[in-house]
Amino acid sequence: MEIETAHQYKISPWVVMLAFVILVGPFALSFHMHYPDEMYYTDAAVKMLQNGDYLTTYLGSGELRFKKPIATYWTVLVGFKIFGVTPFASRFFFLIAGALTVGLTFATAKILTQNEKVAGLSGLIMASNPVLIFSATRSIPDILLVMTMTASALGFAALIRFGDAVPKKYLWILYLSLALAFEVKGLPAAALGGIGLIYLLVNPWKKISFNTIFHIPSISAAVFVALFWFVAMWKIHGPTYLDSFLHDQVGTRVASRYLLIIQNGFLAFFILILIFLPWVLFGWKKVKSSVLETRKEAPTFFWFAILWGLAILGMGAMTSKFYERYLLPVAPVLAILIAWILMNANFEQRTRGLKIASWFFLILNTIILLFSLWLNSNLGAPLWIYVQLAVGGIFLLYLGQLTLNNTKLPKAISYGFMLLFFMISTGTFQISLPDQGQQVKAFAAREKISPEEQIGFLGNLHTSSKIRIGLGTDFQMIDLPRYGFRSEIKNYDRLIIEDRYLDSIDASGFQKKVASLNWASRAIPDLLLQAGSEEFNQILEEKGQKYYWLERRGE
């Protein structure tokens, strides 16, 4: 394949990765938003630090949890070990995994096409993928899964390009990446890897011999990595853990109703297109000819990408509840296919469409900047928020210049999308920060609360995980059951309780203080309308979400 290289589209993957970290980082590294599933991994990592057992995973209630393999827990744990128990530490390596996914997408495309133009566009498409960005801002398995599966795609790409003459290092990359992916999510990684290997053995365009694929040293190492934790859990806890794992991987996720499978399948297909907007629109006029040309140039990769896409759609359709993040593992491979098709469609000649998309993100970012400036001016903000707004303004001017000059428009679009998250974090700073964990941490320090006795928690469990991070490893906090908590309360002299549960218990024997006060979602419109007014604090006090510290009075 020969594509004429245009200087304006030569993109450095290192620059795009750095831009990803800088622009997504402010939104990711504090709890501007908190995804409920994060609690499973942060709670377990705190418990690991407290009890020194780095293999067994626990819920905040103290119950065992074996539904996911160990890699995600260890990623959070490493962050806590290096940076301390903070929101920043819980998400740092997940943000880095997002940036590495962008770089691996570039490298995979470069191996396949030997063309930096296609590789650069692939990286830009992936950097602006909303599911990748949201996953990189959460401490959950999905971003680690896509990173490791993209690393495996690099190995697959080398096999597609070099055939039986593939350098052995790519076999090591392939199998160890699949092993790590298995330690992240389990069976989905094994399924995609197995489908890819079978395809290479039987495809009619460039078959790979069994002797090449069956590389004993790398496969042996991969099997050890993939099964290490599972063997350890079997030895420590017996077969009970395996029942829990398989129930999550197969039992609760595989749908048996045909109507639900069809519904999830259509939803997955629609979302798969949606997450690649606006890129899929730019080559629409020449879609038939460019797809046929791409298939002719690289049939082995073309059908590999289609097969992986269909496989992930099938897996998504079979789930009892579909989430857009289930599509993420194959998104980089599809981004490369889309980039290749766009180049064959001469999409860079569609200047009008590219400029419209760029201007759309520029205008949206400007609106967010003005809103954030107004909100922070009315409510007061630290200097660094205004510095962030100024940096965002500089980025806007730079991207505006690119757009006006018709220069590097794909870069302007990709960076403009990432800039949205950079800008949004300046506004959500007032709404979400400090989070309940940091407020309770400050309360405990102010009240000089000793960490000796256990604390019972009653309230939203993902708020519990934020408070557990705020209190750190010195405090032992146990989540009380949502039902039957009244019988448990008598076992605790200290409680942290959400306001909506306060009337459900007899608090007459406790001293009560407000430990946390935040914007409640139902009160956001009223609070925004009164920002900067004398009524603001009164509305926040009346309608805000509170968590109380209850301490039993002495006899």
Protein backbone atom coordinates (compact mmCIF):
# COMPACT_ATOMS: atom_id res chain seq x y z
CA MET A 1 0.00 0.00 0.00
CA GLU A 2 1.37 3.41 -0.97
CA ILE A 3 -0.23 6.58 0.33
CA GLU A 4 1.35 9.92 -0.37
CA THR A 5 2.45 11.44 2.94
CA ALA A 6 1.28 14.98 3.63
CA HIS A 7 3.33 16.93 6.12
CA GLN A 8 0.32 18.43 7.87
CA TYR A 9 -0.90 14.97 8.91
CA LYS A 10 2.38 13.65 10.29
CA ILE A 11 1.44 13.21 13.92
CA SER A 12 3.84 12.30 16.72
CA PRO A 13 2.26 9.62 18.95
CA TRP A 14 4.22 10.92 21.94
CA VAL A 15 2.71 14.38 21.54
CA VAL A 16 -0.82 12.95 21.24
CA MET A 17 -0.25 10.77 24.32
CA LEU A 18 1.04 13.77 26.28
CA ALA A 19 -1.94 15.83 25.13
CA PHE A 20 -4.25 13.03 26.30
CA VAL A 21 -2.71 13.06 29.78
CA ILE A 22 -2.73 16.86 30.04
CA LEU A 23 -6.24 17.44 28.71
CA VAL A 24 -8.00 14.47 30.34
CA GLY A 25 -5.90 14.49 33.53
CA PRO A 26 -7.67 17.28 35.46
CA PHE A 27 -11.01 15.53 34.99
CA ALA A 28 -9.60 12.08 35.75
CA LEU A 29 -7.41 12.62 38.78
CA SER A 30 -10.04 14.02 41.15
CA PHE A 31 -13.55 12.79 41.80
CA HIS A 32 -15.35 15.22 39.48
CA MET A 33 -17.40 12.14 38.63
CA HIS A 34 -17.31 8.79 40.39
CA TYR A 35 -18.34 5.56 38.73
CA PRO A 36 -20.02 3.12 41.17
CA ASP A 37 -17.89 0.09 40.18
CA GLU A 38 -14.71 1.87 41.29
CA MET A 39 -15.59 1.03 44.87
CA TYR A 40 -14.86 -2.67 44.33
CA TYR A 41 -11.23 -1.98 43.45
CA THR A 42 -10.39 0.95 45.73
CA ASP A 43 -12.05 -0.65 48.77
CA ALA A 44 -10.13 -3.88 48.19
CA ALA A 45 -6.83 -2.03 47.69
CA VAL A 46 -7.26 -0.15 50.98
CA LYS A 47 -8.01 -3.47 52.69
CA MET A 48 -4.89 -5.02 51.15
CA LEU A 49 -2.77 -2.25 52.63
CA GLN A 50 -4.42 -2.72 56.01
CA ASN A 51 -4.07 -6.49 56.28
CA GLY A 52 -1.00 -7.13 54.12
CA ASP A 53 -2.81 -9.77 52.01
CA TYR A 54 -2.26 -8.71 48.40
CA LEU A 55 -4.03 -11.68 46.81
CA THR A 56 -7.48 -11.77 48.42
CA THR A 57 -10.04 -9.13 47.48
CA TYR A 58 -12.69 -7.80 49.86
CA LEU A 59 -15.74 -5.55 49.68
CA GLY A 60 -16.14 -2.55 51.96
CA SER A 61 -18.43 -4.69 54.11
CA GLY A 62 -15.57 -7.12 54.74
CA GLU A 63 -17.06 -9.85 52.52
CA LEU A 64 -14.90 -11.71 50.00
CA ARG A 65 -15.28 -10.81 46.30
CA PHE A 66 -13.86 -12.99 43.52
CA LYS A 67 -15.83 -11.75 40.49
CA LYS A 68 -12.84 -10.20 38.70
CA PRO A 69 -9.18 -11.25 38.39
CA ILE A 70 -6.46 -9.44 40.29
CA ALA A 71 -4.86 -7.03 37.78
CA THR A 72 -7.21 -4.08 38.35
CA TYR A 73 -6.89 -4.36 42.12
CA TRP A 74 -3.11 -4.39 41.86
CA THR A 75 -3.14 -1.34 39.57
CA VAL A 76 -5.00 0.65 42.23
CA LEU A 77 -2.73 -0.83 44.92
CA VAL A 78 0.44 0.30 43.12
CA GLY A 79 -0.96 3.81 42.87
CA PHE A 80 -1.68 3.81 46.61
CA LYS A 81 1.79 2.42 47.38
CA ILE A 82 3.54 5.12 45.35
CA PHE A 83 1.38 8.20 45.94
CA GLY A 84 -0.53 7.40 49.13
CA VAL A 85 -4.26 6.71 49.46
CA THR A 86 -5.79 9.56 47.45
CA PRO A 87 -8.20 9.98 44.52
CA PHE A 88 -5.19 10.92 42.35
CA ALA A 89 -3.42 7.68 43.22
CA SER A 90 -6.50 5.52 42.62
CA ARG A 91 -6.78 6.67 38.99
CA PHE A 92 -3.28 7.69 37.91
CA PHE A 93 -2.28 4.44 36.20
CA PHE A 94 -5.67 4.14 34.51
CA LEU A 95 -5.11 7.54 32.89
CA ILE A 96 -1.66 6.38 31.77
CA ALA A 97 -3.24 3.19 30.37
CA GLY A 98 -5.52 5.38 28.25
CA ALA A 99 -2.54 7.29 26.85
CA LEU A 100 -0.64 4.04 26.20
CA THR A 101 -3.65 2.71 24.29
CA VAL A 102 -3.39 5.70 21.95
CA GLY A 103 0.33 5.02 21.43
CA LEU A 104 -0.24 1.30 20.87
CA THR A 105 -2.92 2.09 18.30
CA PHE A 106 -0.38 4.23 16.42
CA ALA A 107 2.27 1.48 16.63
CA THR A 108 -0.14 -1.21 15.43
CA ALA A 109 -1.21 0.91 12.45
CA LYS A 110 2.43 1.65 11.64
CA ILE A 111 3.28 -2.07 11.62
CA LEU A 112 0.36 -2.80 9.30
CA THR A 113 0.66 0.11 6.86
CA GLN A 114 4.22 1.38 7.21
CA ASN A 115 2.64 4.81 6.79
CA GLU A 116 2.71 7.53 9.44
CA LYS A 117 -0.26 9.29 7.86
CA VAL A 118 -2.60 6.35 8.56
CA ALA A 119 -0.93 5.68 11.92
CA GLY A 120 -1.26 9.30 13.01
CA LEU A 121 -4.93 9.48 12.06
CA SER A 122 -5.56 6.17 13.89
CA GLY A 123 -4.04 7.64 17.05
CA LEU A 124 -6.12 10.82 16.75
CA ILE A 125 -9.33 8.85 16.23
CA MET A 126 -8.62 6.75 19.31
CA ALA A 127 -7.56 9.72 21.46
CA SER A 128 -10.95 11.34 20.82
CA ASN A 129 -12.95 8.17 21.49
CA PRO A 130 -15.40 9.10 24.27
CA VAL A 131 -15.53 5.57 25.72
CA LEU A 132 -11.74 5.46 25.95
CA ILE A 133 -11.67 8.85 27.68
CA PHE A 134 -14.38 7.99 30.19
CA SER A 135 -12.76 4.62 30.91
CA ALA A 136 -9.39 6.32 31.50
CA THR A 137 -11.02 8.47 34.19
CA ARG A 138 -12.20 5.49 36.25
CA SER A 139 -10.39 2.83 38.26
CA ILE A 140 -12.19 -0.11 36.64
CA PRO A 141 -10.94 -2.95 34.40
CA ASP A 142 -12.06 -1.67 30.99
CA ILE A 143 -9.18 0.69 30.24
CA LEU A 144 -6.64 -1.97 31.28
CA LEU A 145 -8.42 -4.49 29.07
CA VAL A 146 -8.30 -2.28 25.98
CA MET A 147 -4.64 -1.42 26.62
CA THR A 148 -3.61 -5.07 26.87
CA MET A 149 -5.82 -6.14 23.95
CA THR A 150 -4.31 -3.36 21.82
CA ALA A 151 -0.85 -4.61 22.76
CA SER A 152 -1.96 -8.06 21.61
CA ALA A 153 -3.24 -6.46 18.39
CA LEU A 154 0.32 -5.24 17.83
CA GLY A 155 1.42 -8.90 17.87
CA PHE A 156 -1.43 -9.89 15.55
CA ALA A 157 -0.49 -7.03 13.19
CA ALA A 158 3.11 -8.23 13.03
CA LEU A 159 1.94 -11.75 12.17
CA ILE A 160 -0.33 -10.34 9.45
CA ARG A 161 2.53 -8.30 8.00
CA PHE A 162 5.50 -10.67 8.33
CA GLY A 163 3.74 -14.02 8.20
CA ASP A 164 5.90 -16.99 9.22
CA ALA A 165 8.96 -14.72 9.20
CA VAL A 166 7.61 -12.70 12.15
CA PRO A 167 10.28 -11.67 14.68
CA LYS A 168 9.88 -13.65 17.90
CA LYS A 169 9.49 -10.50 20.02
CA TYR A 170 6.02 -10.00 18.55
CA LEU A 171 4.95 -13.47 19.68
CA TRP A 172 6.06 -12.58 23.20
CA ILE A 173 4.09 -9.32 22.97
CA LEU A 174 1.02 -11.17 21.67
CA TYR A 175 0.85 -13.92 24.27
CA LEU A 176 1.93 -11.93 27.33
CA SER A 177 -0.57 -9.19 26.43
CA LEU A 178 -3.37 -11.75 26.18
CA ALA A 179 -2.27 -13.22 29.52
CA LEU A 180 -2.41 -9.80 31.17
CA ALA A 181 -5.78 -9.14 29.55
CA PHE A 182 -7.02 -12.41 31.05
CA GLU A 183 -5.82 -11.25 34.49
CA VAL A 184 -7.79 -8.05 33.92
CA LYS A 185 -11.17 -9.34 32.74
CA GLY A 186 -11.04 -13.09 32.27
CA LEU A 187 -12.98 -14.89 29.54
CA PRO A 188 -13.62 -11.98 27.09
CA ALA A 189 -9.86 -11.62 26.59
CA ALA A 190 -9.45 -15.37 26.03
CA ALA A 191 -12.33 -15.37 23.55
CA LEU A 192 -10.96 -12.50 21.43
CA GLY A 193 -7.45 -13.93 21.54
CA GLY A 194 -8.65 -17.39 20.54
CA ILE A 195 -10.72 -16.01 17.67
CA GLY A 196 -7.71 -14.06 16.39
CA LEU A 197 -5.37 -17.06 16.51
CA ILE A 198 -7.83 -19.36 14.76
CA TYR A 199 -8.35 -16.72 12.08
CA LEU A 200 -4.62 -16.50 11.39
CA LEU A 201 -4.45 -20.27 10.99
CA VAL A 202 -7.34 -20.59 8.52
CA ASN A 203 -7.69 -17.29 6.61
CA PRO A 204 -7.24 -17.80 2.85
CA TRP A 205 -5.11 -14.70 2.20
CA LYS A 206 -2.09 -15.16 4.44
CA LYS A 207 -2.20 -18.29 6.54
CA ILE A 208 0.23 -18.56 9.42
CA SER A 209 1.62 -22.01 10.12
CA PHE A 210 0.82 -23.76 13.38
CA ASN A 211 4.55 -24.08 14.12
CA THR A 212 4.94 -20.29 14.01
CA ILE A 213 1.97 -19.59 16.26
CA PHE A 214 2.76 -22.42 18.69
CA HIS A 215 5.77 -20.70 20.24
CA ILE A 216 6.34 -22.74 23.39
CA PRO A 217 8.50 -20.27 25.42
CA SER A 218 6.10 -17.32 25.10
CA ILE A 219 2.99 -19.49 25.52
CA SER A 220 4.42 -21.10 28.67
CA ALA A 221 5.21 -17.72 30.21
CA ALA A 222 1.76 -16.45 29.24
CA VAL A 223 0.00 -19.42 30.82
CA PHE A 224 1.90 -18.82 34.07
CA VAL A 225 0.96 -15.11 34.10
CA ALA A 226 -2.68 -15.78 33.17
CA LEU A 227 -3.29 -18.51 35.75
CA PHE A 228 -1.07 -17.43 38.65
CA TRP A 229 -3.79 -15.67 40.66
CA PHE A 230 -6.40 -18.33 39.91
CA VAL A 231 -4.13 -21.09 41.18
CA ALA A 232 -3.27 -19.04 44.27
CA MET A 233 -6.96 -18.47 45.04
CA TRP A 234 -7.71 -22.16 44.59
CA LYS A 235 -4.96 -23.06 47.04
CA ILE A 236 -6.01 -20.41 49.60
CA HIS A 237 -9.81 -20.44 49.33
CA GLY A 238 -10.68 -23.64 47.50
CA PRO A 239 -13.25 -23.94 44.69
CA THR A 240 -15.63 -21.37 46.24
CA TYR A 241 -13.85 -18.50 44.52
CA LEU A 242 -14.21 -20.17 41.11
CA ASP A 243 -17.99 -20.43 41.48
CA SER A 244 -18.20 -16.70 42.13
CA PHE A 245 -15.89 -15.89 39.20
CA LEU A 246 -17.75 -18.08 36.70
CA HIS A 247 -21.13 -16.82 37.89
CA ASP A 248 -20.03 -13.26 37.05
CA GLN A 249 -18.30 -14.18 33.79
CA VAL A 250 -21.02 -16.46 32.43
CA GLY A 251 -24.04 -16.83 34.70
CA THR A 252 -25.16 -13.22 35.23
CA ARG A 253 -23.82 -11.79 31.96
CA VAL A 254 -25.15 -14.16 29.32
CA ALA A 255 -28.71 -13.46 28.30
CA SER A 256 -31.06 -16.32 27.40
CA ARG A 257 -34.01 -14.31 26.07
CA TYR A 258 -33.93 -13.89 22.29
CA LEU A 259 -35.64 -10.48 22.32
CA LEU A 260 -33.05 -9.14 24.77
CA ILE A 261 -30.20 -10.51 22.61
CA ILE A 262 -31.60 -8.78 19.52
CA GLN A 263 -32.18 -5.55 21.44
CA ASN A 264 -28.65 -5.54 22.87
CA GLY A 265 -27.20 -6.38 19.47
CA PHE A 266 -28.83 -3.42 17.76
CA LEU A 267 -27.89 -1.16 20.67
CA ALA A 268 -24.27 -2.31 20.52
CA PHE A 269 -24.10 -1.72 16.74
CA PHE A 270 -25.60 1.76 17.06
CA ILE A 271 -23.23 2.75 19.87
CA LEU A 272 -20.25 1.33 17.98
CA ILE A 273 -20.98 3.80 15.18
CA LEU A 274 -21.73 6.61 17.62
CA ILE A 275 -18.38 6.38 19.43
CA PHE A 276 -16.53 6.98 16.16
CA LEU A 277 -18.34 10.20 15.32
CA PRO A 278 -17.56 12.50 13.58
CA TRP A 279 -14.86 10.42 11.85
CA VAL A 280 -17.18 7.92 10.14
CA LEU A 281 -19.00 10.80 8.43
CA PHE A 282 -15.99 12.23 6.59
CA GLY A 283 -15.63 9.38 4.09
CA TRP A 284 -19.34 8.73 3.66
CA LYS A 285 -19.59 9.92 0.03
CA LYS A 286 -16.93 7.46 -1.12
CA VAL A 287 -17.64 4.77 1.43
CA LYS A 288 -18.29 1.94 -1.03
CA SER A 289 -15.21 2.52 -3.21
CA SER A 290 -12.89 3.23 -0.28
CA VAL A 291 -14.04 0.14 1.65
CA LEU A 292 -13.52 -2.03 -1.43
CA GLU A 293 -10.09 -0.50 -2.01
CA THR A 294 -9.05 -1.09 1.60
CA ARG A 295 -10.28 -4.68 1.44
CA LYS A 296 -8.31 -5.22 -1.75
CA GLU A 297 -5.11 -3.70 -0.33
CA ALA A 298 -5.19 -5.53 3.02
CA PRO A 299 -7.73 -8.37 3.01
CA THR A 300 -6.13 -10.20 5.95
CA PHE A 301 -6.33 -7.22 8.28
CA PHE A 302 -9.66 -6.02 6.88
CA TRP A 303 -11.44 -9.27 7.75
CA PHE A 304 -9.52 -9.61 11.04
CA ALA A 305 -10.92 -6.22 12.12
CA ILE A 306 -14.42 -7.13 10.91
CA LEU A 307 -14.24 -10.46 12.76
CA TRP A 308 -13.18 -8.84 16.03
CA GLY A 309 -15.91 -6.22 15.59
CA LEU A 310 -18.56 -8.87 15.05
CA ALA A 311 -17.23 -10.86 18.01
CA ILE A 312 -17.52 -7.92 20.38
CA LEU A 313 -21.03 -7.16 19.06
CA GLY A 314 -21.97 -10.77 19.74
CA MET A 315 -20.54 -10.66 23.26
CA GLY A 316 -22.38 -7.40 23.90
CA ALA A 317 -25.64 -8.85 22.59
CA MET A 318 -25.34 -11.84 24.91
CA THR A 319 -25.03 -9.80 28.09
CA SER A 320 -28.01 -9.45 30.39
CA LYS A 321 -27.28 -5.70 30.60
CA PHE A 322 -25.27 -3.92 27.92
CA TYR A 323 -22.76 -1.11 28.64
CA GLU A 324 -20.97 0.91 25.97
CA ARG A 325 -17.60 0.10 27.57
CA TYR A 326 -18.00 -3.53 26.51
CA LEU A 327 -17.15 -2.40 22.95
CA LEU A 328 -13.85 -0.83 23.95
CA PRO A 329 -11.45 -3.82 23.57
CA VAL A 330 -11.69 -3.80 19.76
CA ALA A 331 -12.08 -0.01 19.29
CA PRO A 332 -8.35 0.56 18.46
CA VAL A 333 -8.39 -2.08 15.71
CA LEU A 334 -11.56 -0.55 14.27
CA ALA A 335 -9.99 2.93 14.54
CA ILE A 336 -7.13 1.72 12.33
CA LEU A 337 -9.60 0.29 9.80
CA ILE A 338 -11.57 3.55 9.77
CA ALA A 339 -8.38 5.60 9.32
CA TRP A 340 -7.30 3.40 6.42
CA ILE A 341 -10.71 3.73 4.75
CA LEU A 342 -10.70 7.51 5.26
CA MET A 343 -7.30 7.82 3.60
CA ASN A 344 -8.51 5.84 0.64
CA ALA A 345 -11.57 8.12 0.50
CA ASN A 346 -9.25 11.18 0.38
CA PHE A 347 -11.13 12.54 3.36
CA GLU A 348 -8.65 15.40 3.76
CA GLN A 349 -10.21 16.98 0.70
CA ARG A 350 -13.50 17.34 2.60
CA THR A 351 -12.29 20.56 4.16
CA ARG A 352 -15.77 21.89 4.74
CA GLY A 353 -16.88 18.92 6.83
CA LEU A 354 -13.63 18.90 8.81
CA LYS A 355 -13.92 22.62 9.55
CA ILE A 356 -17.55 22.30 10.64
CA ALA A 357 -16.58 19.55 13.11
CA SER A 358 -13.63 21.59 14.40
CA TRP A 359 -15.74 24.74 14.80
CA PHE A 360 -18.38 22.73 16.66
CA PHE A 361 -15.87 21.69 19.34
CA LEU A 362 -14.33 25.17 19.45
CA ILE A 363 -17.71 26.80 20.09
CA LEU A 364 -18.68 24.16 22.67
CA ASN A 365 -15.38 24.64 24.51
CA THR A 366 -15.83 28.42 24.46
CA ILE A 367 -19.30 28.10 26.01
CA ILE A 368 -17.92 25.87 28.76
CA LEU A 369 -15.01 28.26 29.38
CA LEU A 370 -17.37 31.25 29.76
CA PHE A 371 -19.71 29.28 32.04
CA SER A 372 -16.82 28.10 34.22
CA LEU A 373 -15.40 31.61 34.41
CA TRP A 374 -18.78 32.95 35.53
CA LEU A 375 -19.34 30.17 38.08
CA ASN A 376 -15.88 30.39 39.63
CA SER A 377 -15.99 34.19 39.73
CA ASN A 378 -19.27 34.08 41.65
CA LEU A 379 -18.36 31.29 44.07
CA GLY A 380 -14.64 31.95 44.44
CA ALA A 381 -11.90 29.61 43.32
CA PRO A 382 -8.20 29.02 43.98
CA LEU A 383 -5.61 30.54 41.65
CA TRP A 384 -4.89 27.26 39.90
CA ILE A 385 -8.46 27.11 38.52
CA TYR A 386 -7.92 30.45 36.78
CA VAL A 387 -4.55 29.22 35.52
CA GLN A 388 -6.30 26.15 34.10
CA LEU A 389 -8.89 28.36 32.41
CA ALA A 390 -6.07 30.45 30.92
CA VAL A 391 -4.32 27.31 29.63
CA GLY A 392 -7.61 26.15 28.14
CA GLY A 393 -7.98 29.54 26.45
CA ILE A 394 -4.50 29.19 24.92
CA PHE A 395 -5.42 25.76 23.58
CA LEU A 396 -8.59 27.24 22.11
CA LEU A 397 -6.62 29.97 20.33
CA TYR A 398 -4.18 27.40 18.95
CA LEU A 399 -6.94 25.12 17.68
CA GLY A 400 -8.80 28.11 16.26
CA GLN A 401 -5.68 29.11 14.32
CA LEU A 402 -5.35 25.58 12.90
CA THR A 403 -9.00 25.67 11.85
CA LEU A 404 -8.82 29.10 10.21
CA ASN A 405 -5.68 28.12 8.31
CA ASN A 406 -7.05 24.72 7.22
CA THR A 407 -4.01 23.14 8.88
CA LYS A 408 -4.02 19.77 10.66
CA LEU A 409 -7.82 19.75 10.90
CA PRO A 410 -7.96 16.12 12.17
CA LYS A 411 -5.64 17.16 14.99
CA ALA A 412 -7.84 20.19 15.74
CA ILE A 413 -10.91 17.94 15.95
CA SER A 414 -9.26 15.33 18.19
CA TYR A 415 -7.69 17.88 20.52
CA GLY A 416 -10.91 19.90 20.60
CA PHE A 417 -12.79 16.85 21.84
CA MET A 418 -10.22 16.11 24.56
CA LEU A 419 -10.23 19.78 25.55
CA LEU A 420 -13.91 19.45 26.53
CA PHE A 421 -12.90 17.35 29.55
CA PHE A 422 -10.15 19.80 30.50
CA MET A 423 -12.69 22.64 30.44
CA ILE A 424 -15.51 20.73 32.13
CA SER A 425 -13.30 20.02 35.15
CA THR A 426 -13.04 23.77 35.86
CA GLY A 427 -16.83 23.94 36.24
CA THR A 428 -17.40 20.69 38.08
CA PHE A 429 -14.72 21.80 40.54
CA GLN A 430 -17.42 23.90 42.24
CA ILE A 431 -20.08 21.19 42.08
CA SER A 432 -18.13 18.05 42.98
CA LEU A 433 -15.04 19.12 44.93
CA PRO A 434 -14.00 18.66 47.61
CA ASP A 435 -15.64 15.24 47.48
CA GLN A 436 -17.15 13.62 50.56
CA GLY A 437 -13.95 11.70 51.26
CA GLN A 438 -11.82 14.83 51.44
CA GLN A 439 -14.46 16.60 53.55
CA VAL A 440 -14.64 13.72 56.04
CA LYS A 441 -10.84 13.59 56.11
CA ALA A 442 -10.73 17.28 57.03
CA PHE A 443 -13.50 16.75 59.61
CA ALA A 444 -11.60 13.89 61.28
CA ALA A 445 -8.45 16.01 61.48
CA ARG A 446 -10.34 19.04 62.80
CA GLU A 447 -12.18 17.00 65.43
CA LYS A 448 -9.01 15.04 66.32
CA ILE A 449 -10.82 11.73 65.88
CA SER A 450 -8.70 8.75 66.89
CA PRO A 451 -8.64 5.76 64.51
CA GLU A 452 -8.76 3.00 67.11
CA GLU A 453 -12.43 2.02 66.94
CA GLN A 454 -14.26 0.75 63.86
CA ILE A 455 -16.70 3.05 62.08
CA GLY A 456 -20.02 1.84 60.69
CA PHE A 457 -21.12 3.40 57.40
CA LEU A 458 -24.72 3.69 56.22
CA GLY A 459 -25.41 5.33 52.89
CA ASN A 460 -24.50 5.25 49.20
CA LEU A 461 -21.76 2.66 48.76
CA HIS A 462 -19.76 4.49 46.11
CA THR A 463 -19.69 7.47 48.47
CA SER A 464 -18.41 5.04 51.08
CA SER A 465 -15.44 4.24 48.83
CA LYS A 466 -14.60 7.94 48.50
CA ILE A 467 -14.75 8.35 52.28
CA ARG A 468 -12.62 5.22 52.76
CA ILE A 469 -9.97 6.76 50.49
CA GLY A 470 -10.21 10.04 52.39
CA LEU A 471 -9.75 8.39 55.79
CA GLY A 472 -6.91 6.20 54.52
CA THR A 473 -5.51 3.05 56.06
CA ASP A 474 -5.51 4.25 59.68
CA PHE A 475 -9.31 4.02 59.95
CA GLN A 476 -11.37 0.84 59.72
CA MET A 477 -14.78 1.64 58.20
CA ILE A 478 -17.34 -1.14 57.57
CA ASP A 479 -20.29 -0.78 55.20
CA LEU A 480 -23.53 -1.74 56.94
CA PRO A 481 -26.15 -3.75 55.01
CA ARG A 482 -28.86 -1.75 53.27
CA TYR A 483 -31.46 -4.01 54.87
CA GLY A 484 -31.12 -5.07 58.46
CA PHE A 485 -28.77 -2.23 59.38
CA ARG A 486 -30.71 -1.45 62.56
CA SER A 487 -29.54 -4.65 64.19
CA GLU A 488 -25.93 -3.86 63.21
CA ILE A 489 -25.81 -0.31 64.54
CA LYS A 490 -25.68 -1.45 68.15
CA ASN A 491 -22.23 -2.91 67.45
CA TYR A 492 -20.73 0.50 66.65
CA ASP A 493 -20.07 3.55 68.80
CA ARG A 494 -19.19 5.64 65.75
CA LEU A 495 -21.18 5.99 62.55
CA ILE A 496 -21.06 7.91 59.30
CA ILE A 497 -24.59 8.10 57.95
CA GLU A 498 -26.24 9.65 54.91
CA ASP A 499 -28.96 12.20 55.67
CA ARG A 500 -31.75 10.13 54.08
CA TYR A 501 -31.13 7.30 56.58
CA LEU A 502 -31.05 9.51 59.66
CA ASP A 503 -34.77 9.24 60.37
CA SER A 504 -34.58 5.46 60.03
CA ILE A 505 -32.56 4.96 63.20
CA ASP A 506 -32.78 5.94 66.84
CA ALA A 507 -30.06 8.58 67.09
CA SER A 508 -31.00 9.77 70.58
CA GLY A 509 -27.96 8.09 72.11
CA PHE A 510 -25.50 9.74 69.71
CA GLN A 511 -23.86 13.12 69.36
CA LYS A 512 -24.41 14.34 65.81
CA LYS A 513 -22.27 16.59 63.62
CA VAL A 514 -22.22 17.34 59.89
CA ALA A 515 -19.08 15.78 58.43
CA SER A 516 -19.79 16.43 54.75
CA LEU A 517 -22.02 18.80 52.78
CA ASN A 518 -22.18 18.64 48.98
CA TRP A 519 -24.35 19.74 46.10
CA ALA A 520 -27.25 17.29 45.76
CA SER A 521 -28.14 16.56 42.13
CA ARG A 522 -31.74 17.67 42.66
CA ALA A 523 -30.54 21.04 43.99
CA ILE A 524 -28.05 21.88 41.20
CA PRO A 525 -30.45 24.10 39.19
CA ASP A 526 -31.36 26.16 42.28
CA LEU A 527 -27.74 26.45 43.36
CA LEU A 528 -26.60 27.57 39.92
CA LEU A 529 -29.32 30.21 39.76
CA GLN A 530 -28.26 31.57 43.16
CA ALA A 531 -24.48 31.35 42.60
CA GLY A 532 -22.86 34.39 44.17
CA SER A 533 -26.04 35.51 45.98
CA GLU A 534 -26.65 35.70 49.72
CA GLU A 535 -29.18 32.85 49.43
CA PHE A 536 -26.64 30.39 48.02
CA ASN A 537 -25.31 29.07 51.35
CA GLN A 538 -28.82 28.83 52.76
CA ILE A 539 -29.99 26.75 49.79
CA LEU A 540 -26.90 24.55 50.04
CA GLU A 541 -27.59 23.99 53.74
CA GLU A 542 -31.28 23.19 53.15
CA LYS A 543 -31.02 21.12 49.95
CA GLY A 544 -27.46 19.84 49.90
CA GLN A 545 -26.51 16.23 50.56
CA LYS A 546 -25.17 15.68 54.07
CA TYR A 547 -23.24 12.93 55.77
CA TYR A 548 -23.34 12.99 59.54
CA TRP A 549 -20.80 11.85 62.09
CA LEU A 550 -22.55 10.10 64.98
CA GLU A 551 -20.67 9.23 68.15
CA ARG A 552 -22.33 7.34 70.99
CA ARG A 553 -22.64 9.32 74.19
CA GLY A 554 -20.92 7.94 77.26
CA GLU A 555 -23.06 6.27 79.93
